Amino acid sequence: MNDSLAEHFNMFVDNRLNQFELSIENDSQYQELQHILYDMKNIPDVALSLHDNLQTIAEKHAYRQGFIDGLTLMAGCST
């Protein structure tokens, strides 16, 4: 049973990461900041600020996906 639970959990995490990656690929602000960061590697303060902004955008998408997952689980339990 523990192996099955661990397997299902790993599948859940993999699916969540895939959904997250698809979500940020379509975020124009994320892509723009990634390009700026790539072009400005030699400017540490600017790069750090851009990294922080990228992380905030990534977290927003992760939380959104978590909320969707929660609603999906709740909907499945109520039927």
Protein backbone atom coordinates (compact mmCIF):
# COMPACT_ATOMS: atom_id res chain seq x y z
CA MET A 1 0.00 0.00 0.00
CA ASN A 2 2.82 2.42 0.83
CA ASP A 3 4.43 1.78 -2.55
CA SER A 4 1.15 2.49 -4.30
CA LEU A 5 0.65 5.69 -2.31
CA ALA A 6 4.21 6.82 -3.03
CA GLU A 7 3.74 6.03 -6.72
CA HIS A 8 0.50 8.01 -6.88
CA PHE A 9 2.07 10.90 -5.03
CA ASN A 10 5.03 10.95 -7.43
CA MET A 11 2.64 10.89 -10.38
CA PHE A 12 0.72 13.80 -8.81
CA VAL A 13 3.92 15.82 -8.35
CA ASP A 14 5.07 15.09 -11.92
CA ASN A 15 1.69 16.13 -13.29
CA ARG A 16 1.72 19.29 -11.18
CA LEU A 17 5.19 20.24 -12.43
CA ASN A 18 4.15 19.62 -16.04
CA GLN A 19 1.04 21.78 -15.63
CA PHE A 20 3.11 24.51 -13.98
CA GLU A 21 5.66 24.49 -16.80
CA LEU A 22 2.89 24.74 -19.40
CA SER A 23 1.34 27.60 -17.46
CA ILE A 24 4.47 29.75 -17.25
CA GLU A 25 5.40 29.06 -20.88
CA ASN A 26 2.31 31.06 -21.84
CA ASP A 27 3.03 33.97 -19.46
CA SER A 28 4.42 36.80 -21.59
CA GLN A 29 5.70 38.70 -18.54
CA TYR A 30 7.64 35.64 -17.39
CA GLN A 31 9.14 35.12 -20.85
CA GLU A 32 10.08 38.81 -21.16
CA LEU A 33 11.85 38.80 -17.80
CA GLN A 34 13.66 35.57 -18.68
CA HIS A 35 15.01 37.17 -21.86
CA ILE A 36 16.10 40.31 -20.01
CA LEU A 37 17.82 38.21 -17.35
CA TYR A 38 19.62 36.18 -20.00
CA ASP A 39 20.82 39.35 -21.76
CA MET A 40 21.99 41.03 -18.53
CA LYS A 41 23.91 38.23 -16.82
CA ASN A 42 26.80 40.55 -16.03
CA ILE A 43 24.75 43.02 -13.98
CA PRO A 44 24.30 41.32 -10.58
CA ASP A 45 21.84 43.76 -8.95
CA VAL A 46 19.56 43.87 -11.96
CA ALA A 47 19.82 40.11 -12.40
CA LEU A 48 18.90 39.54 -8.77
CA SER A 49 15.88 41.82 -9.04
CA LEU A 50 14.76 40.08 -12.23
CA HIS A 51 15.23 36.69 -10.58
CA ASP A 52 13.01 37.80 -7.68
CA ASN A 53 10.33 38.96 -10.11
CA LEU A 54 10.53 35.68 -12.04
CA GLN A 55 10.20 33.74 -8.81
CA THR A 56 7.11 35.74 -7.82
CA ILE A 57 5.50 35.01 -11.19
CA ALA A 58 6.38 31.32 -10.90
CA GLU A 59 4.94 31.12 -7.39
CA LYS A 60 1.72 32.79 -8.56
CA HIS A 61 1.27 30.10 -11.18
CA ALA A 62 2.11 27.34 -8.69
CA TYR A 63 -0.46 28.62 -6.19
CA ARG A 64 -3.07 28.95 -8.94
CA GLN A 65 -2.46 25.35 -9.96
CA GLY A 66 -2.69 24.25 -6.32
CA PHE A 67 -6.04 26.01 -6.00
CA ILE A 68 -7.31 24.29 -9.14
CA ASP A 69 -6.08 20.94 -7.79
CA GLY A 70 -7.91 21.56 -4.52
CA LEU A 71 -11.16 22.39 -6.29
CA THR A 72 -10.79 19.30 -8.47
CA LEU A 73 -10.28 17.10 -5.42
CA MET A 74 -13.26 18.66 -3.65
CA ALA A 75 -15.46 18.17 -6.69
CA GLY A 76 -14.42 14.52 -6.89
CA CYS A 77 -15.29 13.93 -3.23
CA SER A 78 -18.77 15.44 -3.50
CA THR A 79 -19.99 13.18 -6.30
